[in-house]
Amino acid sequence: MRHRGSPHASTVNASTYLPETTLLWPNSKLEYIWLDGYTPLASLRSKTKIIDGDPAKLKLEDLPVWGFDGSSTQQAEGKNSDLPAKTRALYPDVTRKNGFLIMSEVLLPNGEAHPSNSRATILDDPDTWFGFEQEYFFWKDGAPLGFPSGGFSGSPGSVLYWRGLQERRRRRPQLVEEHIDTCVAAGINIEGINAEVAKGQWEFQIFGKGSKTAADQMWTARYIIARLCEPYGIDIEWRASPSSGHSIHPSIGMAPACTAIFPQSICARRGGKNISRNSWPLSTRP
């Protein structure tokens, strides 16, 4: 943690050793998040920027555009690799002191959308509600968490493969609790979590108003769970499960409608009335 003008400036996490009142320059930790250019599935990238100022007064419009090396993200050649990350959404990050998560989109140096920027291709309707049901696996040592090394014998639909349902209902990983708490604290419209049928398989649901807002919240929720996994030494596998062949269920509700994957009580709470369901892409790289 940078602490300008203090004798503890070179000390990591200086705020741990100094009373809050002795911090002369408040600062904010901004975690810029963007999608790289890898295909067919883009990955989330991030880097931290420290800025001075009162974190309580931080607003999206105050955030600077920041650059990164696109040659390491499959988005530029090495001879001309500087690319700007334009801030699009701001979320509090309770896992860090004065922390914020900044969902960004990649631009070209001239300010136009980068070819890998699928967010820029989304038609946005601010009065439309979107719901996403995201399935995922906790992944370790090349297999879903809880699977034996090398996987189960037999077909994916065998009893051995699916026996995780009853076993896992009794044990909810601390990770999923941390995920929902962090999303709620960030102001992300996460509507629920639940275990899925296979060992190590879970899902969460996001409900957002406006296609870009909903997509920003989904990608940020993905980033949060992936980062929370790091201390546990496990990964997240987003790709379609080997059994069902799907990983995300998108729905759309035209205002004042709501989506079919959410109960009437949620729709009423969000101001919707009618129910409709259609396919809608989160992005070109879900």
Protein backbone atom coordinates (compact mmCIF):
# COMPACT_ATOMS: atom_id res chain seq x y z
CA MET A 1 0.00 0.00 0.00
CA ARG A 2 1.50 3.32 -1.03
CA HIS A 3 1.64 5.87 1.77
CA ARG A 4 3.25 9.07 0.55
CA GLY A 5 5.27 11.16 2.98
CA SER A 6 5.24 8.59 5.76
CA PRO A 7 8.32 6.99 7.35
CA HIS A 8 6.50 3.73 6.70
CA ALA A 9 6.23 4.37 2.95
CA SER A 10 8.13 1.20 2.05
CA THR A 11 6.15 -0.97 4.46
CA VAL A 12 3.54 -3.27 2.97
CA ASN A 13 0.04 -2.67 4.37
CA ALA A 14 1.10 0.38 6.34
CA SER A 15 -2.50 0.90 7.49
CA THR A 16 -2.15 -2.28 9.52
CA TYR A 17 0.43 -0.61 11.72
CA LEU A 18 -0.79 2.98 11.77
CA PRO A 19 -4.04 4.28 13.30
CA GLU A 20 -6.59 5.45 10.75
CA THR A 21 -6.21 9.07 11.90
CA THR A 22 -2.50 9.12 11.01
CA LEU A 23 -3.08 8.41 7.30
CA LEU A 24 -2.27 11.78 5.78
CA TRP A 25 -3.38 11.03 2.20
CA PRO A 26 -6.45 8.83 1.74
CA ASN A 27 -6.24 6.68 -1.34
CA SER A 28 -8.33 4.22 -3.31
CA LYS A 29 -7.31 0.93 -4.87
CA LEU A 30 -8.90 0.68 -8.30
CA GLU A 31 -8.91 -2.78 -9.86
CA TYR A 32 -9.38 -2.24 -13.59
CA ILE A 33 -10.97 -5.33 -15.19
CA TRP A 34 -11.26 -6.04 -18.91
CA LEU A 35 -11.61 -8.91 -21.39
CA ASP A 36 -8.58 -9.98 -23.41
CA GLY A 37 -8.44 -11.02 -27.06
CA TYR A 38 -8.10 -14.78 -26.70
CA THR A 39 -10.51 -16.93 -28.70
CA PRO A 40 -12.84 -18.71 -28.62
CA LEU A 41 -13.17 -17.79 -24.93
CA ALA A 42 -11.87 -14.47 -23.66
CA SER A 43 -10.25 -14.31 -20.23
CA LEU A 44 -10.60 -11.65 -17.56
CA ARG A 45 -7.55 -9.45 -16.98
CA SER A 46 -6.97 -6.88 -14.25
CA LYS A 47 -4.45 -4.48 -12.77
CA THR A 48 -4.51 -2.14 -9.77
CA LYS A 49 -4.19 1.64 -9.83
CA ILE A 50 -3.78 3.75 -6.69
CA ILE A 51 -5.30 7.24 -6.71
CA ASP A 52 -5.45 9.94 -4.06
CA GLY A 53 -8.67 11.39 -2.74
CA ASP A 54 -11.56 10.54 -0.47
CA PRO A 55 -12.84 7.03 -1.34
CA ALA A 56 -16.31 7.96 -0.07
CA LYS A 57 -16.60 10.60 -2.81
CA LEU A 58 -15.32 8.46 -5.70
CA LYS A 59 -17.59 8.48 -8.78
CA LEU A 60 -17.41 6.67 -12.10
CA GLU A 61 -16.94 9.92 -14.02
CA ASP A 62 -13.88 10.72 -11.88
CA LEU A 63 -12.00 7.59 -12.92
CA PRO A 64 -9.17 8.02 -15.41
CA VAL A 65 -8.75 5.98 -18.56
CA TRP A 66 -5.83 3.65 -17.98
CA GLY A 67 -3.56 1.84 -20.41
CA PHE A 68 -2.14 -1.67 -20.65
CA ASP A 69 0.16 -3.73 -22.85
CA GLY A 70 -2.07 -5.34 -25.46
CA SER A 71 0.74 -7.53 -26.80
CA SER A 72 0.40 -9.77 -23.74
CA THR A 73 -3.39 -10.09 -24.08
CA GLN A 74 -3.68 -10.97 -27.80
CA GLN A 75 -4.95 -7.47 -28.57
CA ALA A 76 -1.94 -5.71 -30.12
CA GLU A 77 1.46 -6.22 -31.70
CA GLY A 78 4.59 -5.63 -29.64
CA LYS A 79 5.73 -2.66 -31.73
CA ASN A 80 2.55 -0.70 -30.94
CA SER A 81 0.97 -2.30 -27.90
CA ASP A 82 -0.44 0.48 -25.69
CA LEU A 83 -4.22 0.24 -25.41
CA PRO A 84 -6.66 2.24 -23.25
CA ALA A 85 -9.14 0.64 -20.85
CA LYS A 86 -12.23 2.85 -20.62
CA THR A 87 -14.09 2.64 -17.31
CA ARG A 88 -17.76 1.60 -17.57
CA ALA A 89 -18.89 0.42 -14.13
CA LEU A 90 -17.76 1.04 -10.55
CA TYR A 91 -18.33 -1.41 -7.68
CA PRO A 92 -17.10 -1.28 -4.07
CA ASP A 93 -14.64 -4.08 -3.25
CA VAL A 94 -15.03 -5.13 0.38
CA THR A 95 -12.11 -7.56 0.15
CA ARG A 96 -9.75 -4.57 0.09
CA LYS A 97 -9.44 -1.48 2.23
CA ASN A 98 -10.73 1.44 0.11
CA GLY A 99 -11.01 -0.97 -2.80
CA PHE A 100 -13.11 -0.71 -5.96
CA LEU A 101 -13.72 -2.98 -8.95
CA ILE A 102 -13.77 -1.13 -12.27
CA MET A 103 -15.33 -2.97 -15.22
CA SER A 104 -13.74 -1.54 -18.36
CA GLU A 105 -13.84 -2.00 -22.11
CA VAL A 106 -10.86 -1.98 -24.49
CA LEU A 107 -10.47 0.81 -27.02
CA LEU A 108 -8.06 1.51 -29.83
CA PRO A 109 -5.65 4.44 -29.38
CA ASN A 110 -7.95 6.59 -31.55
CA GLY A 111 -10.85 6.02 -29.15
CA GLU A 112 -12.78 3.53 -31.29
CA ALA A 113 -13.83 0.16 -29.92
CA HIS A 114 -11.18 -2.55 -30.18
CA PRO A 115 -12.14 -5.49 -32.46
CA SER A 116 -12.17 -7.75 -29.39
CA ASN A 117 -14.55 -5.41 -27.56
CA SER A 118 -17.82 -7.34 -27.77
CA ARG A 119 -19.43 -5.00 -25.23
CA ALA A 120 -19.44 -2.22 -27.83
CA THR A 121 -21.52 -4.41 -30.18
CA ILE A 122 -24.38 -4.92 -27.70
CA LEU A 123 -27.57 -2.98 -28.37
CA ASP A 124 -28.50 -1.36 -25.08
CA ASP A 125 -32.06 -0.80 -23.89
CA PRO A 126 -32.01 0.76 -20.41
CA ASP A 127 -35.63 -0.30 -19.78
CA THR A 128 -35.03 -4.01 -20.43
CA TRP A 129 -34.42 -6.50 -17.63
CA PHE A 130 -31.93 -9.30 -18.28
CA GLY A 131 -31.39 -12.43 -16.24
CA PHE A 132 -28.40 -14.76 -16.39
CA GLU A 133 -28.06 -18.11 -14.68
CA GLN A 134 -24.35 -18.96 -14.60
CA GLU A 135 -23.24 -22.52 -13.94
CA TYR A 136 -19.62 -23.31 -13.15
CA PHE A 137 -17.30 -25.95 -11.70
CA PHE A 138 -14.76 -25.55 -8.94
CA TRP A 139 -11.70 -27.05 -10.64
CA LYS A 140 -8.53 -28.55 -9.22
CA ASP A 141 -5.80 -30.86 -10.59
CA GLY A 142 -7.50 -31.14 -13.97
CA ALA A 143 -10.92 -32.22 -12.71
CA PRO A 144 -13.99 -30.87 -10.89
CA LEU A 145 -13.46 -30.47 -7.16
CA GLY A 146 -14.38 -33.74 -5.44
CA PHE A 147 -13.78 -35.93 -8.49
CA PRO A 148 -11.13 -38.64 -8.14
CA SER A 149 -7.89 -38.19 -10.06
CA GLY A 150 -8.51 -39.15 -13.67
CA GLY A 151 -12.29 -38.83 -13.30
CA PHE A 152 -14.98 -41.43 -12.78
CA SER A 153 -15.21 -44.52 -14.92
CA GLY A 154 -18.37 -44.97 -16.94
CA SER A 155 -20.50 -42.50 -18.90
CA PRO A 156 -21.05 -38.90 -17.74
CA GLY A 157 -24.63 -39.78 -16.87
CA SER A 158 -23.73 -42.71 -14.65
CA VAL A 159 -24.71 -42.93 -10.99
CA LEU A 160 -21.07 -42.46 -9.97
CA TYR A 161 -20.83 -39.23 -11.93
CA TRP A 162 -23.97 -37.74 -10.42
CA ARG A 163 -23.68 -39.04 -6.88
CA GLY A 164 -22.38 -35.63 -5.83
CA LEU A 165 -25.91 -34.25 -5.52
CA GLN A 166 -26.73 -35.76 -2.14
CA GLU A 167 -23.19 -35.53 -0.83
CA ARG A 168 -22.72 -31.85 -1.63
CA ARG A 169 -26.08 -30.67 -0.30
CA ARG A 170 -24.73 -31.22 3.19
CA ARG A 171 -21.54 -29.19 2.68
CA ARG A 172 -21.74 -25.67 1.29
CA PRO A 173 -18.24 -24.39 0.48
CA GLN A 174 -17.18 -21.21 2.24
CA LEU A 175 -16.32 -19.87 -1.21
CA VAL A 176 -19.92 -19.58 -2.34
CA GLU A 177 -20.79 -17.68 0.83
CA GLU A 178 -17.88 -15.31 0.28
CA HIS A 179 -18.98 -14.84 -3.33
CA ILE A 180 -22.56 -13.89 -2.59
CA ASP A 181 -21.52 -11.60 0.28
CA THR A 182 -18.95 -9.79 -1.89
CA CYS A 183 -21.41 -9.39 -4.78
CA VAL A 184 -24.14 -8.03 -2.50
CA ALA A 185 -21.70 -5.57 -0.90
CA ALA A 186 -20.62 -4.45 -4.39
CA GLY A 187 -24.20 -3.61 -5.34
CA ILE A 188 -24.38 -6.37 -7.95
CA ASN A 189 -27.91 -7.69 -8.45
CA ILE A 190 -27.14 -11.29 -7.57
CA GLU A 191 -30.46 -13.01 -6.91
CA GLY A 192 -29.33 -16.39 -5.64
CA ILE A 193 -26.89 -19.29 -5.57
CA ASN A 194 -27.38 -23.05 -5.51
CA ALA A 195 -25.53 -26.31 -5.89
CA GLU A 196 -25.86 -28.16 -9.19
CA VAL A 197 -26.08 -31.91 -9.72
CA ALA A 198 -22.40 -32.80 -10.18
CA LYS A 199 -19.66 -32.67 -7.59
CA GLY A 200 -17.98 -29.29 -7.51
CA GLN A 201 -20.73 -27.69 -9.63
CA TRP A 202 -22.57 -24.54 -8.54
CA GLU A 203 -24.44 -21.65 -10.11
CA PHE A 204 -25.49 -18.07 -9.41
CA GLN A 205 -28.08 -15.77 -10.94
CA ILE A 206 -27.73 -12.14 -12.00
CA PHE A 207 -30.68 -9.86 -12.75
CA GLY A 208 -29.87 -6.46 -14.26
CA LYS A 209 -31.70 -3.59 -15.95
CA GLY A 210 -30.13 -2.73 -19.29
CA SER A 211 -28.13 -5.19 -21.39
CA LYS A 212 -24.75 -3.58 -20.77
CA THR A 213 -25.41 -3.11 -17.08
CA ALA A 214 -26.43 -6.76 -16.73
CA ALA A 215 -23.39 -7.93 -18.71
CA ASP A 216 -21.03 -5.73 -16.65
CA GLN A 217 -22.44 -7.20 -13.46
CA MET A 218 -22.14 -10.78 -14.75
CA TRP A 219 -18.51 -10.36 -15.78
CA THR A 220 -17.68 -8.65 -12.48
CA ALA A 221 -19.39 -11.46 -10.54
CA ARG A 222 -17.27 -13.93 -12.53
CA TYR A 223 -14.14 -11.98 -11.65
CA ILE A 224 -15.05 -11.95 -7.97
CA ILE A 225 -15.51 -15.72 -7.65
CA ALA A 226 -12.32 -16.39 -9.63
CA ARG A 227 -10.28 -14.10 -7.37
CA LEU A 228 -11.81 -15.55 -4.20
CA CYS A 229 -10.63 -18.98 -5.32
CA GLU A 230 -6.96 -18.00 -5.31
CA PRO A 231 -6.24 -18.51 -1.58
CA TYR A 232 -7.81 -21.97 -1.81
CA GLY A 233 -5.63 -23.06 -4.73
CA ILE A 234 -8.55 -23.89 -7.01
CA ASP A 235 -9.83 -22.54 -10.33
CA ILE A 236 -13.20 -21.92 -11.97
CA GLU A 237 -14.24 -23.76 -15.14
CA TRP A 238 -16.85 -21.74 -17.06
CA ARG A 239 -17.09 -23.93 -20.14
CA ALA A 240 -20.12 -26.09 -20.81
CA SER A 241 -20.36 -29.07 -18.48
CA PRO A 242 -19.53 -32.47 -20.00
CA SER A 243 -23.02 -33.65 -19.15
CA SER A 244 -25.57 -30.96 -19.98
CA GLY A 245 -23.59 -29.08 -22.63
CA HIS A 246 -24.52 -25.66 -21.27
CA SER A 247 -23.08 -23.24 -18.76
CA ILE A 248 -25.19 -20.09 -18.90
CA HIS A 249 -28.93 -19.54 -19.37
CA PRO A 250 -29.80 -16.02 -20.55
CA SER A 251 -33.30 -14.55 -20.41
CA ILE A 252 -34.73 -11.21 -21.36
CA GLY A 253 -37.80 -9.29 -20.25
CA MET A 254 -39.05 -6.23 -22.08
CA ALA A 255 -40.05 -3.47 -19.66
CA PRO A 256 -42.19 -3.67 -17.68
CA ALA A 257 -41.70 -7.43 -18.08
CA CYS A 258 -39.41 -9.69 -16.08
CA THR A 259 -37.58 -12.89 -16.89
CA ALA A 260 -38.97 -16.36 -16.47
CA ILE A 261 -36.03 -17.72 -14.53
CA PHE A 262 -36.88 -15.51 -11.56
CA PRO A 263 -39.90 -15.84 -9.24
CA GLN A 264 -42.81 -13.41 -9.40
CA SER A 265 -41.72 -11.94 -6.06
CA ILE A 266 -38.40 -10.81 -7.55
CA CYS A 267 -40.11 -9.39 -10.62
CA ALA A 268 -42.51 -7.44 -8.45
CA ARG A 269 -39.64 -6.12 -6.33
CA ARG A 270 -37.89 -4.86 -9.48
CA GLY A 271 -41.06 -3.23 -10.83
CA GLY A 272 -41.95 -5.79 -13.51
CA LYS A 273 -45.30 -7.34 -14.29
CA ASN A 274 -45.39 -9.71 -17.25
CA ILE A 275 -43.19 -12.76 -17.83
CA SER A 276 -41.29 -13.47 -21.04
CA ARG A 277 -38.26 -15.56 -21.92
CA ASN A 278 -35.97 -15.36 -24.92
CA SER A 279 -32.38 -16.13 -25.76
CA TRP A 280 -30.01 -13.19 -25.50
CA PRO A 281 -26.21 -13.20 -25.62
CA LEU A 282 -24.20 -11.99 -22.66
CA SER A 283 -21.52 -11.19 -25.22
CA THR A 284 -20.00 -12.85 -28.26
CA ARG A 285 -17.77 -14.78 -25.84
CA PRO A 286 -19.94 -16.04 -22.98
